[in-house]
PDB file of N, CA and C in Angstrom:
ATOM      1  N   UNK A   1      16.071   6.003   2.479  1.00  0.00           N
ATOM      2  CA  UNK A   1      14.813   5.928   3.175  1.00  0.00           C
ATOM      3  C   UNK A   1      15.002   6.473   4.579  1.00  0.00           C
ATOM      4  N   UNK A   2      13.986   7.139   5.070  1.00  0.00           N
ATOM      5  CA  UNK A   2      14.063   7.786   6.368  1.00  0.00           C
ATOM      6  C   UNK A   2      13.506   6.907   7.494  1.00  0.00           C
ATOM      7  N   UNK A   3      12.532   6.078   7.211  1.00  0.00           N
ATOM      8  CA  UNK A   3      11.863   5.261   8.230  1.00  0.00           C
ATOM      9  C   UNK A   3      12.244   3.801   8.033  1.00  0.00           C
ATOM     10  N   UNK A   4      12.579   3.116   9.118  1.00  0.00           N
ATOM     11  CA  UNK A   4      12.940   1.704   9.042  1.00  0.00           C
ATOM     12  C   UNK A   4      11.721   0.821   8.814  1.00  0.00           C
ATOM     13  N   UNK A   5      10.638   1.075   9.574  1.00  0.00           N
ATOM     14  CA  UNK A   5       9.410   0.301   9.382  1.00  0.00           C
ATOM     15  C   UNK A   5       8.242   1.031  10.043  1.00  0.00           C
ATOM     16  N   UNK A   6       7.042   0.606   9.676  1.00  0.00           N
ATOM     17  CA  UNK A   6       5.826   1.177  10.252  1.00  0.00           C
ATOM     18  C   UNK A   6       4.861   0.032  10.523  1.00  0.00           C
ATOM     19  N   UNK A   7       4.107   0.152  11.607  1.00  0.00           N
ATOM     20  CA  UNK A   7       3.121  -0.866  11.947  1.00  0.00           C
ATOM     21  C   UNK A   7       1.816  -0.224  12.343  1.00  0.00           C
ATOM     22  N   UNK A   8       0.723  -0.908  12.029  1.00  0.00           N
ATOM     23  CA  UNK A   8      -0.588  -0.385  12.421  1.00  0.00           C
ATOM     24  C   UNK A   8      -1.510  -1.542  12.771  1.00  0.00           C
ATOM     25  N   UNK A   9      -2.371  -1.279  13.739  1.00  0.00           N
ATOM     26  CA  UNK A   9      -3.360  -2.254  14.136  1.00  0.00           C
ATOM     27  C   UNK A   9      -4.480  -2.345  13.107  1.00  0.00           C
ATOM     28  N   UNK A  10      -5.040  -3.545  12.954  1.00  0.00           N
ATOM     29  CA  UNK A  10      -6.154  -3.764  12.036  1.00  0.00           C
ATOM     30  C   UNK A  10      -7.291  -4.442  12.785  1.00  0.00           C
ATOM     31  N   UNK A  11      -8.506  -4.227  12.317  1.00  0.00           N
ATOM     32  CA  UNK A  11      -9.672  -4.786  13.008  1.00  0.00           C
ATOM     33  C   UNK A  11      -9.924  -6.249  12.655  1.00  0.00           C
ATOM     34  N   UNK A  12      -9.549  -6.676  11.466  1.00  0.00           N
ATOM     35  CA  UNK A  12      -9.749  -8.052  11.016  1.00  0.00           C
ATOM     36  C   UNK A  12      -8.465  -8.500  10.332  1.00  0.00           C
ATOM     37  N   UNK A  13      -7.620  -9.220  11.080  1.00  0.00           N
ATOM     38  CA  UNK A  13      -6.303  -9.592  10.583  1.00  0.00           C
ATOM     39  C   UNK A  13      -6.368 -10.374   9.277  1.00  0.00           C
ATOM     40  N   UNK A  14      -7.229 -11.379   9.212  1.00  0.00           N
ATOM     41  CA  UNK A  14      -7.321 -12.207   8.011  1.00  0.00           C
ATOM     42  C   UNK A  14      -7.729 -11.408   6.784  1.00  0.00           C
ATOM     43  N   UNK A  15      -8.720 -10.555   6.956  1.00  0.00           N
ATOM     44  CA  UNK A  15      -9.209  -9.734   5.849  1.00  0.00           C
ATOM     45  C   UNK A  15      -8.137  -8.750   5.395  1.00  0.00           C
ATOM     46  N   UNK A  16      -7.481  -8.097   6.347  1.00  0.00           N
ATOM     47  CA  UNK A  16      -6.445  -7.126   6.001  1.00  0.00           C
ATOM     48  C   UNK A  16      -5.228  -7.799   5.389  1.00  0.00           C
ATOM     49  N   UNK A  17      -4.833  -8.950   5.918  1.00  0.00           N
ATOM     50  CA  UNK A  17      -3.687  -9.673   5.364  1.00  0.00           C
ATOM     51  C   UNK A  17      -3.969 -10.046   3.907  1.00  0.00           C
ATOM     52  N   UNK A  18      -5.149 -10.585   3.633  1.00  0.00           N
ATOM     53  CA  UNK A  18      -5.516 -10.947   2.258  1.00  0.00           C
ATOM     54  C   UNK A  18      -5.527  -9.719   1.356  1.00  0.00           C
ATOM     55  N   UNK A  19      -6.045  -8.603   1.867  1.00  0.00           N
ATOM     56  CA  UNK A  19      -6.094  -7.363   1.106  1.00  0.00           C
ATOM     57  C   UNK A  19      -4.692  -6.905   0.714  1.00  0.00           C
ATOM     58  N   UNK A  20      -3.783  -6.848   1.682  1.00  0.00           N
ATOM     59  CA  UNK A  20      -2.435  -6.362   1.402  1.00  0.00           C
ATOM     60  C   UNK A  20      -1.616  -7.352   0.568  1.00  0.00           C
ATOM     61  N   UNK A  21      -1.818  -8.649   0.764  1.00  0.00           N
ATOM     62  CA  UNK A  21      -1.139  -9.634  -0.088  1.00  0.00           C
ATOM     63  C   UNK A  21      -1.444  -9.369  -1.555  1.00  0.00           C
ATOM     64  N   UNK A  22      -2.709  -9.159  -1.858  1.00  0.00           N
ATOM     65  CA  UNK A  22      -3.130  -8.955  -3.244  1.00  0.00           C
ATOM     66  C   UNK A  22      -2.777  -7.557  -3.746  1.00  0.00           C
ATOM     67  N   UNK A  23      -3.014  -6.544  -2.933  1.00  0.00           N
ATOM     68  CA  UNK A  23      -2.827  -5.154  -3.362  1.00  0.00           C
ATOM     69  C   UNK A  23      -1.365  -4.780  -3.566  1.00  0.00           C
ATOM     70  N   UNK A  24      -0.476  -5.295  -2.727  1.00  0.00           N
ATOM     71  CA  UNK A  24       0.924  -4.892  -2.796  1.00  0.00           C
ATOM     72  C   UNK A  24       1.754  -5.746  -3.746  1.00  0.00           C
ATOM     73  N   UNK A  25       1.233  -6.890  -4.172  1.00  0.00           N
ATOM     74  CA  UNK A  25       1.976  -7.769  -5.085  1.00  0.00           C
ATOM     75  C   UNK A  25       2.424  -7.065  -6.369  1.00  0.00           C
ATOM     76  N   UNK A  26       1.585  -6.229  -7.004  1.00  0.00           N
ATOM     77  CA  UNK A  26       2.054  -5.551  -8.220  1.00  0.00           C
ATOM     78  C   UNK A  26       3.232  -4.608  -7.993  1.00  0.00           C
ATOM     79  N   UNK A  27       3.474  -4.235  -6.743  1.00  0.00           N
ATOM     80  CA  UNK A  27       4.595  -3.346  -6.415  1.00  0.00           C
ATOM     81  C   UNK A  27       5.841  -4.141  -6.022  1.00  0.00           C
ATOM     82  N   UNK A  28       5.749  -5.470  -6.096  1.00  0.00           N
ATOM     83  CA  UNK A  28       6.871  -6.312  -5.707  1.00  0.00           C
ATOM     84  C   UNK A  28       7.013  -6.461  -4.208  1.00  0.00           C
ATOM     85  N   UNK A  29       5.964  -6.094  -3.477  1.00  0.00           N
ATOM     86  CA  UNK A  29       5.975  -6.182  -2.016  1.00  0.00           C
ATOM     87  C   UNK A  29       5.240  -7.456  -1.624  1.00  0.00           C
ATOM     88  N   UNK A  30       5.880  -8.268  -0.781  1.00  0.00           N
ATOM     89  CA  UNK A  30       5.290  -9.551  -0.400  1.00  0.00           C
ATOM     90  C   UNK A  30       5.337  -9.755   1.107  1.00  0.00           C
ATOM     91  N   UNK A  31       4.622 -10.766   1.565  1.00  0.00           N
ATOM     92  CA  UNK A  31       4.654 -11.134   2.974  1.00  0.00           C
ATOM     93  C   UNK A  31       6.031 -11.709   3.278  1.00  0.00           C
ATOM     94  N   UNK A  32       6.720 -11.102   4.229  1.00  0.00           N
ATOM     95  CA  UNK A  32       8.071 -11.510   4.574  1.00  0.00           C
ATOM     96  C   UNK A  32       8.078 -12.355   5.840  1.00  0.00           C
ATOM     97  N   UNK A  33       7.230 -11.983   6.813  1.00  0.00           N
ATOM     98  CA  UNK A  33       7.271 -12.671   8.100  1.00  0.00           C
ATOM     99  C   UNK A  33       5.965 -12.492   8.845  1.00  0.00           C
ATOM    100  N   UNK A  34       5.596 -13.522   9.599  1.00  0.00           N
ATOM    101  CA  UNK A  34       4.469 -13.435  10.535  1.00  0.00           C
ATOM    102  C   UNK A  34       4.969 -13.837  11.903  1.00  0.00           C
ATOM    103  N   UNK A  35       4.640 -13.003  12.901  1.00  0.00           N
ATOM    104  CA  UNK A  35       5.065 -13.288  14.261  1.00  0.00           C
ATOM    105  C   UNK A  35       4.109 -12.628  15.251  1.00  0.00           C
ATOM    106  N   UNK A  36       3.663 -13.387  16.257  1.00  0.00           N
ATOM    107  CA  UNK A  36       2.836 -12.872  17.338  1.00  0.00           C
ATOM    108  C   UNK A  36       1.602 -12.098  16.860  1.00  0.00           C
ATOM    109  N   UNK A  37       0.918 -12.591  15.832  1.00  0.00           N
ATOM    110  CA  UNK A  37      -0.284 -11.932  15.343  1.00  0.00           C
ATOM    111  C   UNK A  37      -0.022 -10.731  14.451  1.00  0.00           C
ATOM    112  N   UNK A  38       1.191 -10.603  13.972  1.00  0.00           N
ATOM    113  CA  UNK A  38       1.568  -9.511  13.070  1.00  0.00           C
ATOM    114  C   UNK A  38       2.099 -10.085  11.766  1.00  0.00           C
ATOM    115  N   UNK A  39       1.833  -9.387  10.668  1.00  0.00           N
ATOM    116  CA  UNK A  39       2.345  -9.760   9.351  1.00  0.00           C
ATOM    117  C   UNK A  39       3.202  -8.611   8.838  1.00  0.00           C
ATOM    118  N   UNK A  40       4.411  -8.947   8.417  1.00  0.00           N
ATOM    119  CA  UNK A  40       5.338  -7.947   7.902  1.00  0.00           C
ATOM    120  C   UNK A  40       5.510  -8.094   6.403  1.00  0.00           C
ATOM    121  N   UNK A  41       5.308  -7.003   5.676  1.00  0.00           N
ATOM    122  CA  UNK A  41       5.427  -6.989   4.222  1.00  0.00           C
ATOM    123  C   UNK A  41       6.652  -6.176   3.821  1.00  0.00           C
ATOM    124  N   UNK A  42       7.295  -6.596   2.734  1.00  0.00           N
ATOM    125  CA  UNK A  42       8.448  -5.847   2.257  1.00  0.00           C
ATOM    126  C   UNK A  42       9.038  -6.451   1.008  1.00  0.00           C
ATOM    127  N   UNK A  43      10.243  -6.004   0.711  1.00  0.00           N
ATOM    128  CA  UNK A  43      11.019  -6.497  -0.431  1.00  0.00           C
ATOM    129  C   UNK A  43      12.341  -7.030   0.089  1.00  0.00           C
ATOM    130  N   UNK A  44      12.912  -7.957  -0.651  1.00  0.00           N
ATOM    131  CA  UNK A  44      14.237  -8.493  -0.331  1.00  0.00           C
ATOM    132  C   UNK A  44      14.336  -8.966   1.114  1.00  0.00           C
ATOM    133  N   UNK A  45      13.289  -9.623   1.582  1.00  0.00           N
ATOM    134  CA  UNK A  45      13.239 -10.239   2.911  1.00  0.00           C
ATOM    135  C   UNK A  45      13.357  -9.241   4.059  1.00  0.00           C
ATOM    136  N   UNK A  46      13.020  -7.960   3.810  1.00  0.00           N
ATOM    137  CA  UNK A  46      13.039  -6.921   4.858  1.00  0.00           C
ATOM    138  C   UNK A  46      11.620  -6.415   5.061  1.00  0.00           C
ATOM    139  N   UNK A  47      11.017  -6.770   6.180  1.00  0.00           N
ATOM    140  CA  UNK A  47       9.656  -6.324   6.488  1.00  0.00           C
ATOM    141  C   UNK A  47       9.687  -4.867   6.925  1.00  0.00           C
ATOM    142  N   UNK A  48       9.010  -4.012   6.163  1.00  0.00           N
ATOM    143  CA  UNK A  48       8.975  -2.583   6.463  1.00  0.00           C
ATOM    144  C   UNK A  48       7.578  -2.092   6.813  1.00  0.00           C
ATOM    145  N   UNK A  49       6.553  -2.839   6.387  1.00  0.00           N
ATOM    146  CA  UNK A  49       5.161  -2.466   6.649  1.00  0.00           C
ATOM    147  C   UNK A  49       4.496  -3.608   7.396  1.00  0.00           C
ATOM    148  N   UNK A  50       4.054  -3.331   8.622  1.00  0.00           N
ATOM    149  CA  UNK A  50       3.483  -4.362   9.495  1.00  0.00           C
ATOM    150  C   UNK A  50       2.024  -4.061   9.792  1.00  0.00           C
ATOM    151  N   UNK A  51       1.206  -5.120   9.798  1.00  0.00           N
ATOM    152  CA  UNK A  51      -0.177  -5.013  10.268  1.00  0.00           C
ATOM    153  C   UNK A  51      -0.368  -6.073  11.339  1.00  0.00           C
ATOM    154  N   UNK A  52      -1.234  -5.785  12.307  1.00  0.00           N
ATOM    155  CA  UNK A  52      -1.428  -6.778  13.345  1.00  0.00           C
ATOM    156  C   UNK A  52      -2.606  -6.498  14.241  1.00  0.00           C
ATOM    157  N   UNK A  53      -2.831  -7.469  15.105  1.00  0.00           N
ATOM    158  CA  UNK A  53      -3.920  -7.386  16.071  1.00  0.00           C
ATOM    159  C   UNK A  53      -3.335  -7.090  17.446  1.00  0.00           C
ATOM    160  N   UNK A  54      -4.218  -6.792  18.356  1.00  0.00           N
ATOM    161  CA  UNK A  54      -3.773  -6.573  19.725  1.00  0.00           C
ATOM    162  C   UNK A  54      -3.472  -5.133  20.054  1.00  0.00           C
ATOM    163  N   UNK A  55      -3.586  -4.273  19.076  1.00  0.00           N
ATOM    164  CA  UNK A  55      -3.399  -2.849  19.318  1.00  0.00           C
ATOM    165  C   UNK A  55      -4.613  -2.113  18.784  1.00  0.00           C
ATOM    166  N   UNK A  56      -4.832  -0.939  19.300  1.00  0.00           N
ATOM    167  CA  UNK A  56      -5.946  -0.129  18.839  1.00  0.00           C
ATOM    168  C   UNK A  56      -5.774   0.180  17.352  1.00  0.00           C
ATOM    169  N   UNK A  57      -6.870   0.100  16.613  1.00  0.00           N
ATOM    170  CA  UNK A  57      -6.842   0.497  15.214  1.00  0.00           C
ATOM    171  C   UNK A  57      -6.765   2.021  15.177  1.00  0.00           C
ATOM    172  N   UNK A  58      -5.736   2.535  14.538  1.00  0.00           N
ATOM    173  CA  UNK A  58      -5.534   3.975  14.479  1.00  0.00           C
ATOM    174  C   UNK A  58      -6.628   4.630  13.631  1.00  0.00           C
ATOM    175  N   UNK A  59      -6.797   5.919  13.848  1.00  0.00           N
ATOM    176  CA  UNK A  59      -7.693   6.664  12.978  1.00  0.00           C
ATOM    177  C   UNK A  59      -7.126   6.569  11.572  1.00  0.00           C
ATOM    178  N   UNK A  60      -7.951   6.790  10.578  1.00  0.00           N
ATOM    179  CA  UNK A  60      -7.435   6.623   9.216  1.00  0.00           C
ATOM    180  C   UNK A  60      -6.101   7.333   8.997  1.00  0.00           C
ATOM    181  N   UNK A  61      -5.191   6.555   8.421  1.00  0.00           N
ATOM    182  CA  UNK A  61      -3.852   7.037   8.113  1.00  0.00           C
ATOM    183  C   UNK A  61      -3.690   7.110   6.598  1.00  0.00           C
ATOM    184  N   UNK A  62      -2.690   7.816   6.147  1.00  0.00           N
ATOM    185  CA  UNK A  62      -2.330   7.844   4.729  1.00  0.00           C
ATOM    186  C   UNK A  62      -0.956   7.221   4.620  1.00  0.00           C
ATOM    187  N   UNK A  63      -0.879   6.133   3.857  1.00  0.00           N
ATOM    188  CA  UNK A  63       0.388   5.450   3.639  1.00  0.00           C
ATOM    189  C   UNK A  63       0.590   5.329   2.136  1.00  0.00           C
ATOM    190  N   UNK A  64       1.737   5.791   1.656  1.00  0.00           N
ATOM    191  CA  UNK A  64       2.060   5.731   0.225  1.00  0.00           C
ATOM    192  C   UNK A  64       3.207   4.757   0.001  1.00  0.00           C
ATOM    193  N   UNK A  65       3.008   3.853  -0.947  1.00  0.00           N
ATOM    194  CA  UNK A  65       4.029   2.890  -1.334  1.00  0.00           C
ATOM    195  C   UNK A  65       4.646   3.333  -2.659  1.00  0.00           C
ATOM    196  N   UNK A  66       5.964   3.281  -2.741  1.00  0.00           N
ATOM    197  CA  UNK A  66       6.675   3.692  -3.941  1.00  0.00           C
ATOM    198  C   UNK A  66       6.572   2.615  -5.011  1.00  0.00           C
ATOM    199  N   UNK A  67       6.199   3.018  -6.211  1.00  0.00           N
ATOM    200  CA  UNK A  67       6.101   2.107  -7.353  1.00  0.00           C
ATOM    201  C   UNK A  67       7.253   2.378  -8.311  1.00  0.00           C
ATOM    202  N   UNK A  68       7.720   1.331  -8.971  1.00  0.00           N
ATOM    203  CA  UNK A  68       8.815   1.465  -9.929  1.00  0.00           C
ATOM    204  C   UNK A  68       8.369   2.068 -11.252  1.00  0.00           C
ATOM    205  N   UNK A  69       7.074   1.951 -11.574  1.00  0.00           N
ATOM    206  CA  UNK A  69       6.586   2.460 -12.858  1.00  0.00           C
ATOM    207  C   UNK A  69       5.126   2.877 -12.729  1.00  0.00           C
ATOM    208  N   UNK A  70       4.661   3.627 -13.696  1.00  0.00           N
ATOM    209  CA  UNK A  70       3.251   4.008 -13.746  1.00  0.00           C
ATOM    210  C   UNK A  70       2.379   2.785 -13.960  1.00  0.00           C
ATOM    211  N   UNK A  71       2.887   1.822 -14.708  1.00  0.00           N
ATOM    212  CA  UNK A  71       2.127   0.582 -14.921  1.00  0.00           C
ATOM    213  C   UNK A  71       1.937  -0.171 -13.605  1.00  0.00           C
ATOM    214  N   UNK A  72       2.943  -0.125 -12.733  1.00  0.00           N
ATOM    215  CA  UNK A  72       2.805  -0.753 -11.418  1.00  0.00           C
ATOM    216  C   UNK A  72       1.737  -0.046 -10.584  1.00  0.00           C
ATOM    217  N   UNK A  73       1.651   1.275 -10.706  1.00  0.00           N
ATOM    218  CA  UNK A  73       0.588   2.027 -10.015  1.00  0.00           C
ATOM    219  C   UNK A  73      -0.771   1.550 -10.521  1.00  0.00           C
ATOM    220  N   UNK A  74      -0.900   1.424 -11.831  1.00  0.00           N
ATOM    221  CA  UNK A  74      -2.159   0.947 -12.422  1.00  0.00           C
ATOM    222  C   UNK A  74      -2.506  -0.448 -11.913  1.00  0.00           C
ATOM    223  N   UNK A  75      -1.510  -1.338 -11.874  1.00  0.00           N
ATOM    224  CA  UNK A  75      -1.747  -2.717 -11.414  1.00  0.00           C
ATOM    225  C   UNK A  75      -2.106  -2.745  -9.923  1.00  0.00           C
ATOM    226  N   UNK A  76      -1.440  -1.919  -9.127  1.00  0.00           N
ATOM    227  CA  UNK A  76      -1.787  -1.810  -7.706  1.00  0.00           C
ATOM    228  C   UNK A  76      -3.255  -1.430  -7.549  1.00  0.00           C
ATOM    229  N   UNK A  77      -3.657  -0.396  -8.264  1.00  0.00           N
ATOM    230  CA  UNK A  77      -5.035   0.107  -8.151  1.00  0.00           C
ATOM    231  C   UNK A  77      -6.039  -0.991  -8.507  1.00  0.00           C
ATOM    232  N   UNK A  78      -5.832  -1.678  -9.621  1.00  0.00           N
ATOM    233  CA  UNK A  78      -6.746  -2.739 -10.037  1.00  0.00           C
ATOM    234  C   UNK A  78      -6.761  -3.895  -9.028  1.00  0.00           C
ATOM    235  N   UNK A  79      -5.586  -4.269  -8.533  1.00  0.00           N
ATOM    236  CA  UNK A  79      -5.509  -5.351  -7.550  1.00  0.00           C
ATOM    237  C   UNK A  79      -6.213  -4.961  -6.257  1.00  0.00           C
ATOM    238  N   UNK A  80      -6.017  -3.733  -5.808  1.00  0.00           N
ATOM    239  CA  UNK A  80      -6.652  -3.275  -4.568  1.00  0.00           C
ATOM    240  C   UNK A  80      -8.168  -3.224  -4.710  1.00  0.00           C
ATOM    241  N   UNK A  81      -8.655  -2.704  -5.824  1.00  0.00           N
ATOM    242  CA  UNK A  81     -10.109  -2.651  -6.052  1.00  0.00           C
ATOM    243  C   UNK A  81     -10.684  -4.060  -6.086  1.00  0.00           C
ATOM    244  N   UNK A  82      -9.996  -4.973  -6.766  1.00  0.00           N
ATOM    245  CA  UNK A  82     -10.513  -6.350  -6.835  1.00  0.00           C
ATOM    246  C   UNK A  82     -10.408  -7.056  -5.484  1.00  0.00           C
ATOM    247  N   UNK A  83      -9.540  -6.554  -4.590  1.00  0.00           N
ATOM    248  CA  UNK A  83      -9.419  -7.113  -3.241  1.00  0.00           C
ATOM    249  C   UNK A  83     -10.407  -6.483  -2.265  1.00  0.00           C
ATOM    250  N   UNK A  84     -11.248  -5.569  -2.765  1.00  0.00           N
ATOM    251  CA  UNK A  84     -12.286  -4.992  -1.919  1.00  0.00           C
ATOM    252  C   UNK A  84     -12.083  -3.555  -1.504  1.00  0.00           C
ATOM    253  N   UNK A  85     -11.040  -2.904  -1.990  1.00  0.00           N
ATOM    254  CA  UNK A  85     -10.805  -1.499  -1.633  1.00  0.00           C
ATOM    255  C   UNK A  85     -11.856  -0.606  -2.268  1.00  0.00           C
ATOM    256  N   UNK A  86     -12.047   0.553  -1.659  1.00  0.00           N
ATOM    257  CA  UNK A  86     -12.903   1.587  -2.245  1.00  0.00           C
ATOM    258  C   UNK A  86     -12.002   2.581  -2.968  1.00  0.00           C
ATOM    259  N   UNK A  87     -12.451   3.046  -4.109  1.00  0.00           N
ATOM    260  CA  UNK A  87     -11.710   4.033  -4.877  1.00  0.00           C
ATOM    261  C   UNK A  87     -11.597   5.330  -4.078  1.00  0.00           C
ATOM    262  N   UNK A  88     -10.405   5.908  -4.076  1.00  0.00           N
ATOM    263  CA  UNK A  88     -10.202   7.223  -3.466  1.00  0.00           C
ATOM    264  C   UNK A  88      -9.388   8.123  -4.399  1.00  0.00           C
ATOM    265  N   UNK A  89      -9.330   7.737  -5.669  1.00  0.00           N
ATOM    266  CA  UNK A  89      -8.603   8.501  -6.674  1.00  0.00           C
ATOM    267  C   UNK A  89      -7.899   7.571  -7.634  1.00  0.00           C
ATOM    268  N   UNK A  90      -8.420   7.415  -8.849  1.00  0.00           N
ATOM    269  CA  UNK A  90      -7.834   6.481  -9.813  1.00  0.00           C
ATOM    270  C   UNK A  90      -6.445   6.924 -10.258  1.00  0.00           C
ATOM    271  N   UNK A  91      -5.703   6.019 -10.886  1.00  0.00           N
ATOM    272  CA  UNK A  91      -4.354   6.359 -11.338  1.00  0.00           C
ATOM    273  C   UNK A  91      -4.348   7.586 -12.242  1.00  0.00           C
ATOM    274  N   UNK A  92      -3.373   8.445 -12.013  1.00  0.00           N
ATOM    275  CA  UNK A  92      -3.238   9.625 -12.849  1.00  0.00           C
ATOM    276  C   UNK A  92      -2.199  10.582 -12.305  1.00  0.00           C
ATOM    277  N   UNK A  93      -1.888  11.582 -13.120  1.00  0.00           N
ATOM    278  CA  UNK A  93      -0.947  12.636 -12.745  1.00  0.00           C
ATOM    279  C   UNK A  93      -1.607  13.547 -11.713  1.00  0.00           C
ATOM    280  N   UNK A  94      -0.850  13.900 -10.695  1.00  0.00           N
ATOM    281  CA  UNK A  94      -1.295  14.847  -9.676  1.00  0.00           C
ATOM    282  C   UNK A  94      -0.343  16.043  -9.744  1.00  0.00           C
ATOM    283  N   UNK A  95      -0.571  16.926 -10.705  1.00  0.00           N
ATOM    284  CA  UNK A  95       0.343  18.044 -10.961  1.00  0.00           C
ATOM    285  C   UNK A  95       0.475  18.993  -9.781  1.00  0.00           C
ATOM    286  N   UNK A  96      -0.525  19.017  -8.891  1.00  0.00           N
ATOM    287  CA  UNK A  96      -0.428  19.908  -7.732  1.00  0.00           C
ATOM    288  C   UNK A  96       0.695  19.467  -6.789  1.00  0.00           C
ATOM    289  N   UNK A  97       1.158  18.214  -6.889  1.00  0.00           N
ATOM    290  CA  UNK A  97       2.332  17.769  -6.125  1.00  0.00           C
ATOM    291  C   UNK A  97       3.603  18.063  -6.913  1.00  0.00           C
ATOM    292  N   UNK A  98       3.683  17.551  -8.138  1.00  0.00           N
ATOM    293  CA  UNK A  98       4.737  17.898  -9.097  1.00  0.00           C
ATOM    294  C   UNK A  98       4.386  17.276 -10.446  1.00  0.00           C
ATOM    295  N   UNK A  99       5.075  17.692 -11.488  1.00  0.00           N
ATOM    296  CA  UNK A  99       4.712  17.350 -12.870  1.00  0.00           C
ATOM    297  C   UNK A  99       4.721  15.848 -13.163  1.00  0.00           C
ATOM    298  N   UNK A 100       5.523  15.069 -12.456  1.00  0.00           N
ATOM    299  CA  UNK A 100       5.624  13.628 -12.730  1.00  0.00           C
ATOM    300  C   UNK A 100       5.009  12.756 -11.634  1.00  0.00           C
ATOM    301  N   UNK A 101       4.217  13.355 -10.759  1.00  0.00           N
ATOM    302  CA  UNK A 101       3.618  12.605  -9.651  1.00  0.00           C
ATOM    303  C   UNK A 101       2.437  11.799 -10.196  1.00  0.00           C
ATOM    304  N   UNK A 102       2.634  10.481 -10.327  1.00  0.00           N
ATOM    305  CA  UNK A 102       1.596   9.592 -10.847  1.00  0.00           C
ATOM    306  C   UNK A 102       1.171   8.677  -9.709  1.00  0.00           C
ATOM    307  N   UNK A 103      -0.040   8.841  -9.233  1.00  0.00           N
ATOM    308  CA  UNK A 103      -0.484   8.083  -8.079  1.00  0.00           C
ATOM    309  C   UNK A 103      -1.892   7.546  -8.222  1.00  0.00           C
ATOM    310  N   UNK A 104      -2.211   6.607  -7.349  1.00  0.00           N
ATOM    311  CA  UNK A 104      -3.557   6.050  -7.240  1.00  0.00           C
ATOM    312  C   UNK A 104      -3.844   5.846  -5.757  1.00  0.00           C
ATOM    313  N   UNK A 105      -5.085   6.090  -5.365  1.00  0.00           N
ATOM    314  CA  UNK A 105      -5.476   6.056  -3.960  1.00  0.00           C
ATOM    315  C   UNK A 105      -6.671   5.129  -3.767  1.00  0.00           C
ATOM    316  N   UNK A 106      -6.609   4.309  -2.722  1.00  0.00           N
ATOM    317  CA  UNK A 106      -7.724   3.435  -2.362  1.00  0.00           C
ATOM    318  C   UNK A 106      -7.923   3.495  -0.849  1.00  0.00           C
ATOM    319  N   UNK A 107      -9.095   3.080  -0.410  1.00  0.00           N
ATOM    320  CA  UNK A 107      -9.405   2.984   1.014  1.00  0.00           C
ATOM    321  C   UNK A 107      -9.386   1.506   1.399  1.00  0.00           C
ATOM    322  N   UNK A 108      -8.582   1.146   2.387  1.00  0.00           N
ATOM    323  CA  UNK A 108      -8.448  -0.253   2.809  1.00  0.00           C
ATOM    324  C   UNK A 108      -9.592  -0.659   3.734  1.00  0.00           C
ATOM    325  N   UNK A 109      -9.615  -1.924   4.202  1.00  0.00           N
ATOM    326  CA  UNK A 109     -10.728  -2.395   5.033  1.00  0.00           C
ATOM    327  C   UNK A 109     -10.964  -1.609   6.324  1.00  0.00           C
ATOM    328  N   UNK A 110      -9.937  -0.922   6.842  1.00  0.00           N
ATOM    329  CA  UNK A 110     -10.103  -0.137   8.063  1.00  0.00           C
ATOM    330  C   UNK A 110     -10.239   1.353   7.815  1.00  0.00           C
ATOM    331  N   UNK A 111     -10.383   1.752   6.559  1.00  0.00           N
ATOM    332  CA  UNK A 111     -10.593   3.161   6.248  1.00  0.00           C
ATOM    333  C   UNK A 111      -9.333   3.967   5.982  1.00  0.00           C
ATOM    334  N   UNK A 112      -8.183   3.294   5.917  1.00  0.00           N
ATOM    335  CA  UNK A 112      -6.931   3.993   5.652  1.00  0.00           C
ATOM    336  C   UNK A 112      -6.805   4.336   4.170  1.00  0.00           C
ATOM    337  N   UNK A 113      -6.222   5.499   3.889  1.00  0.00           N
ATOM    338  CA  UNK A 113      -5.970   5.946   2.522  1.00  0.00           C
ATOM    339  C   UNK A 113      -4.617   5.378   2.086  1.00  0.00           C
ATOM    340  N   UNK A 114      -4.671   4.366   1.214  1.00  0.00           N
ATOM    341  CA  UNK A 114      -3.462   3.683   0.769  1.00  0.00           C
ATOM    342  C   UNK A 114      -3.164   4.110  -0.665  1.00  0.00           C
ATOM    343  N   UNK A 115      -1.930   4.472  -0.912  1.00  0.00           N
ATOM    344  CA  UNK A 115      -1.534   5.024  -2.206  1.00  0.00           C
ATOM    345  C   UNK A 115      -0.344   4.264  -2.775  1.00  0.00           C
ATOM    346  N   UNK A 116      -0.293   4.194  -4.100  1.00  0.00           N
ATOM    347  CA  UNK A 116       0.927   3.800  -4.804  1.00  0.00           C
ATOM    348  C   UNK A 116       1.303   5.010  -5.654  1.00  0.00           C
ATOM    349  N   UNK A 117       2.604   5.342  -5.670  1.00  0.00           N
ATOM    350  CA  UNK A 117       3.047   6.526  -6.397  1.00  0.00           C
ATOM    351  C   UNK A 117       4.353   6.243  -7.129  1.00  0.00           C
ATOM    352  N   UNK A 118       4.434   6.792  -8.334  1.00  0.00           N
ATOM    353  CA  UNK A 118       5.647   6.757  -9.137  1.00  0.00           C
ATOM    354  C   UNK A 118       6.016   8.206  -9.453  1.00  0.00           C
ATOM    355  N   UNK A 119       7.266   8.557  -9.233  1.00  0.00           N
ATOM    356  CA  UNK A 119       7.720   9.928  -9.463  1.00  0.00           C
ATOM    357  C   UNK A 119       8.521  10.082 -10.761  1.00  0.00           C
ATOM    358  N   UNK A 120       8.633   9.010 -11.528  1.00  0.00           N
ATOM    359  CA  UNK A 120       9.441   9.036 -12.732  1.00  0.00           C
ATOM    360  C   UNK A 120       8.710   9.666 -13.899  1.00  0.00           C
ATOM    361  N   UNK A 121       9.467  10.397 -14.695  1.00  0.00           N
ATOM    362  CA  UNK A 121       8.917  10.965 -15.923  1.00  0.00           C
ATOM    363  C   UNK A 121       8.843   9.877 -16.986  1.00  0.00           C
ATOM    364  N   UNK A 122       7.884  10.001 -17.872  1.00  0.00           N
ATOM    365  CA  UNK A 122       7.806   9.083 -19.012  1.00  0.00           C
ATOM    366  C   UNK A 122       8.898   9.487 -19.987  1.00  0.00           C
ATOM    367  N   UNK A 123       9.682   8.483 -20.404  1.00  0.00           N
ATOM    368  CA  UNK A 123      10.729   8.774 -21.375  1.00  0.00           C
ATOM    369  C   UNK A 123      10.340   8.177 -22.724  1.00  0.00           C
ATOM    370  N   UNK A 124      10.671   8.878 -23.789  1.00  0.00           N
ATOM    371  CA  UNK A 124      10.297   8.370 -25.125  1.00  0.00           C
ATOM    372  C   UNK A 124      11.021   7.114 -25.509  1.00  0.00           C
TER     373      UNK A 124
END
């Protein structure tokens, strides 16, 4: 991995925290820590994605989370939609990136384009 962690300001901490708790769970990403109005999400007790208050909400960003399987991408998409996300591209192959790029895109409460992607080929 190239980046240690990323953080972004949100307009409604409670709403965004609930959204990410539900949306990222299918990817095995959970709330790891809360400190000073910030919530850190990650795996194996390492917070890599932070949301918080007290900073300007950035213009819409694109953040992609790595999924272990295509089924996890599907579960992410369904969880995010049920958590209030807007569809920005249902799960499917995006051949213009590469032959095995399977992703799903949603818009979060602050307008960010949030993606789950799996790069693995389907094996028989």
